[in-house]
Amino acid sequence: MNDEPPIKLKVSCLHIRHKMMFCDERHAVFGMVDDSSDTRVFYCAKTQDALGPDDAPATPAECTPTRACYDAGA
């Protein structure tokens, strides 16, 4: 029996990160994030900060293809 909570990955900017990506292999899919947690802190791998290169928040909701720094990957 698996007691781990389910995750729901959705497409995101390739540069969005959060610490669960390095602690739980189910989250370790760059360009996909589970944003279901209200306490998860996201950051941009380009800036290593909570803000992206354009000084806007680096979150799945904010990092969309409308931003010049957005990277959908290959």
N, C-alpha and C. Protein backbone atom coordinates (compact mmCIF):
# COMPACT_ATOMS: atom_id res chain seq x y z
N MET A 1 0.84 -1.19 0.00
CA MET A 1 0.00 0.00 0.00
C MET A 1 0.88 1.25 0.00
N ASN A 2 0.53 2.20 -0.80
CA ASN A 2 1.29 3.43 -0.93
C ASN A 2 0.61 4.54 -0.12
N ASP A 3 1.30 5.05 0.90
CA ASP A 3 0.73 6.09 1.76
C ASP A 3 1.09 7.50 1.31
N GLU A 4 1.81 7.63 0.19
CA GLU A 4 2.19 8.95 -0.29
C GLU A 4 0.98 9.64 -0.92
N PRO A 5 0.85 10.93 -0.67
CA PRO A 5 -0.27 11.65 -1.28
C PRO A 5 -0.09 11.70 -2.80
N PRO A 6 -1.19 11.67 -3.54
CA PRO A 6 -1.08 11.74 -5.00
C PRO A 6 -0.58 13.11 -5.46
N ILE A 7 0.07 13.13 -6.59
CA ILE A 7 0.49 14.42 -7.16
C ILE A 7 -0.16 14.56 -8.53
N LYS A 8 -0.37 15.78 -8.92
CA LYS A 8 -0.98 16.08 -10.22
C LYS A 8 -0.04 17.04 -10.95
N LEU A 9 0.81 16.49 -11.80
CA LEU A 9 1.75 17.32 -12.55
C LEU A 9 1.05 18.03 -13.69
N LYS A 10 1.42 19.29 -13.88
CA LYS A 10 0.90 20.04 -15.02
C LYS A 10 2.06 20.77 -15.69
N VAL A 11 1.90 21.06 -16.94
CA VAL A 11 2.95 21.72 -17.74
C VAL A 11 3.25 23.09 -17.14
N SER A 12 4.54 23.40 -17.08
CA SER A 12 4.98 24.70 -16.57
C SER A 12 6.24 25.12 -17.31
N CYS A 13 6.74 26.29 -16.95
CA CYS A 13 8.02 26.75 -17.50
C CYS A 13 9.10 25.76 -17.08
N LEU A 14 10.01 25.50 -17.96
CA LEU A 14 11.10 24.56 -17.72
C LEU A 14 11.98 24.99 -16.56
N HIS A 15 11.96 26.26 -16.19
CA HIS A 15 12.86 26.78 -15.16
C HIS A 15 12.25 26.89 -13.77
N ILE A 16 10.97 26.54 -13.61
CA ILE A 16 10.36 26.58 -12.28
C ILE A 16 10.88 25.41 -11.46
N ARG A 17 11.22 25.70 -10.21
CA ARG A 17 11.71 24.68 -9.29
C ARG A 17 11.02 24.85 -7.93
N HIS A 18 11.02 23.76 -7.16
CA HIS A 18 10.62 23.77 -5.76
C HIS A 18 11.34 22.62 -5.09
N LYS A 19 11.49 22.66 -3.78
CA LYS A 19 12.36 21.69 -3.11
C LYS A 19 11.89 20.25 -3.23
N MET A 20 10.60 20.01 -3.39
CA MET A 20 10.13 18.64 -3.53
C MET A 20 10.69 17.97 -4.79
N MET A 21 11.11 18.77 -5.76
CA MET A 21 11.70 18.21 -6.98
C MET A 21 13.01 17.48 -6.69
N PHE A 22 13.60 17.79 -5.54
CA PHE A 22 14.88 17.19 -5.16
C PHE A 22 14.73 16.20 -4.01
N CYS A 23 13.52 16.09 -3.46
CA CYS A 23 13.26 15.21 -2.32
C CYS A 23 12.36 14.02 -2.68
N ASP A 24 11.54 14.17 -3.68
CA ASP A 24 10.56 13.14 -4.07
C ASP A 24 10.66 12.94 -5.57
N GLU A 25 11.11 11.77 -5.99
CA GLU A 25 11.36 11.53 -7.42
C GLU A 25 10.11 11.71 -8.28
N ARG A 26 8.94 11.61 -7.70
CA ARG A 26 7.72 11.83 -8.48
C ARG A 26 7.60 13.27 -8.96
N HIS A 27 8.24 14.19 -8.26
CA HIS A 27 8.21 15.61 -8.62
C HIS A 27 9.37 16.01 -9.54
N ALA A 28 10.32 15.14 -9.73
CA ALA A 28 11.55 15.48 -10.45
C ALA A 28 11.39 15.44 -11.96
N VAL A 29 10.42 16.18 -12.46
CA VAL A 29 10.16 16.26 -13.89
C VAL A 29 10.22 17.74 -14.28
N PHE A 30 11.35 18.17 -14.80
CA PHE A 30 11.49 19.57 -15.18
C PHE A 30 10.50 19.91 -16.29
N GLY A 31 9.84 21.05 -16.15
CA GLY A 31 8.80 21.45 -17.09
C GLY A 31 7.42 20.97 -16.69
N MET A 32 7.34 20.31 -15.55
CA MET A 32 6.06 19.84 -14.99
C MET A 32 6.10 20.13 -13.48
N VAL A 33 5.01 20.64 -12.93
CA VAL A 33 4.95 20.89 -11.49
C VAL A 33 3.59 20.49 -10.93
N ASP A 34 3.60 20.16 -9.66
CA ASP A 34 2.37 19.94 -8.91
C ASP A 34 2.20 21.19 -8.06
N ASP A 35 1.22 21.99 -8.38
CA ASP A 35 1.03 23.26 -7.65
C ASP A 35 -0.13 23.18 -6.66
N SER A 36 -0.46 21.97 -6.23
CA SER A 36 -1.61 21.79 -5.36
C SER A 36 -1.35 22.18 -3.90
N SER A 37 -0.11 22.38 -3.51
CA SER A 37 0.20 22.76 -2.14
C SER A 37 0.08 24.27 -1.96
N ASP A 38 -0.55 24.65 -0.86
CA ASP A 38 -0.67 26.08 -0.54
C ASP A 38 0.59 26.64 0.09
N THR A 39 1.51 25.76 0.50
CA THR A 39 2.71 26.21 1.18
C THR A 39 3.98 26.04 0.36
N ARG A 40 3.87 25.48 -0.82
CA ARG A 40 5.06 25.23 -1.65
C ARG A 40 5.65 26.55 -2.14
N VAL A 41 6.95 26.67 -2.03
CA VAL A 41 7.66 27.86 -2.48
C VAL A 41 8.34 27.54 -3.81
N PHE A 42 8.04 28.29 -4.82
CA PHE A 42 8.63 28.10 -6.15
C PHE A 42 9.71 29.14 -6.37
N TYR A 43 10.67 28.79 -7.23
CA TYR A 43 11.70 29.75 -7.61
C TYR A 43 12.11 29.49 -9.05
N CYS A 44 12.79 30.44 -9.63
CA CYS A 44 13.25 30.36 -11.01
C CYS A 44 14.70 29.86 -11.03
N ALA A 45 14.96 28.84 -11.81
CA ALA A 45 16.32 28.30 -11.91
C ALA A 45 17.26 29.28 -12.62
N LYS A 46 16.72 30.17 -13.43
CA LYS A 46 17.56 31.17 -14.11
C LYS A 46 18.09 32.21 -13.14
N THR A 47 17.24 32.63 -12.20
CA THR A 47 17.63 33.69 -11.27
C THR A 47 17.97 33.16 -9.88
N GLN A 48 17.59 31.92 -9.60
CA GLN A 48 17.75 31.33 -8.26
C GLN A 48 17.03 32.19 -7.22
N ASP A 49 15.86 32.70 -7.61
CA ASP A 49 15.11 33.61 -6.76
C ASP A 49 13.62 33.37 -6.98
N ALA A 50 12.80 33.91 -6.10
CA ALA A 50 11.35 33.81 -6.23
C ALA A 50 10.82 34.66 -7.37
N LEU A 51 11.68 35.50 -7.93
CA LEU A 51 11.31 36.32 -9.09
C LEU A 51 12.06 35.83 -10.32
N GLY A 52 11.41 35.90 -11.47
CA GLY A 52 12.05 35.51 -12.71
C GLY A 52 12.93 36.63 -13.25
N PRO A 53 13.54 36.44 -14.42
CA PRO A 53 14.41 37.45 -15.02
C PRO A 53 13.70 38.78 -15.29
N ASP A 54 12.39 38.75 -15.40
CA ASP A 54 11.62 39.97 -15.65
C ASP A 54 11.08 40.59 -14.36
N ASP A 55 11.56 40.11 -13.21
CA ASP A 55 11.17 40.60 -11.88
C ASP A 55 9.71 40.33 -11.52
N ALA A 56 9.07 39.41 -12.19
CA ALA A 56 7.71 38.98 -11.84
C ALA A 56 7.83 37.67 -11.07
N PRO A 57 6.82 37.33 -10.26
CA PRO A 57 6.88 36.11 -9.46
C PRO A 57 7.08 34.84 -10.29
N ALA A 58 7.88 33.93 -9.77
CA ALA A 58 8.13 32.65 -10.43
C ALA A 58 7.23 31.59 -9.79
N THR A 59 6.02 31.52 -10.29
CA THR A 59 5.05 30.52 -9.83
C THR A 59 4.39 29.90 -11.05
N PRO A 60 3.82 28.70 -10.91
CA PRO A 60 3.14 28.10 -12.05
C PRO A 60 2.03 28.98 -12.62
N ALA A 61 1.32 29.70 -11.76
CA ALA A 61 0.24 30.56 -12.23
C ALA A 61 0.76 31.79 -12.97
N GLU A 62 1.93 32.28 -12.57
CA GLU A 62 2.49 33.49 -13.16
C GLU A 62 3.39 33.22 -14.37
N CYS A 63 4.06 32.07 -14.36
CA CYS A 63 5.00 31.74 -15.44
C CYS A 63 4.24 31.10 -16.61
N THR A 64 3.85 31.94 -17.53
CA THR A 64 3.05 31.51 -18.67
C THR A 64 3.78 31.88 -19.97
N PRO A 65 3.34 31.32 -21.08
CA PRO A 65 3.98 31.64 -22.36
C PRO A 65 3.92 33.12 -22.75
N THR A 66 3.15 33.92 -22.04
CA THR A 66 3.09 35.36 -22.34
C THR A 66 4.33 36.10 -21.86
N ARG A 67 5.13 35.47 -21.00
CA ARG A 67 6.36 36.10 -20.51
C ARG A 67 7.52 35.79 -21.43
N ALA A 68 8.37 36.75 -21.67
CA ALA A 68 9.51 36.58 -22.58
C ALA A 68 10.49 35.53 -22.06
N CYS A 69 10.57 35.34 -20.76
CA CYS A 69 11.53 34.39 -20.18
C CYS A 69 10.99 32.96 -20.13
N TYR A 70 9.72 32.76 -20.46
CA TYR A 70 9.11 31.42 -20.41
C TYR A 70 9.82 30.48 -21.36
N ASP A 71 10.09 29.25 -20.90
CA ASP A 71 10.75 28.25 -21.73
C ASP A 71 9.93 26.97 -21.67
N ALA A 72 9.35 26.59 -22.79
CA ALA A 72 8.53 25.38 -22.87
C ALA A 72 9.37 24.13 -23.08
N GLY A 73 10.67 24.30 -23.28
CA GLY A 73 11.53 23.15 -23.54
C GLY A 73 11.48 22.75 -25.00
N ALA A 74 12.00 21.56 -25.26
CA ALA A 74 12.07 21.11 -26.66
C ALA A 74 10.77 20.58 -27.19
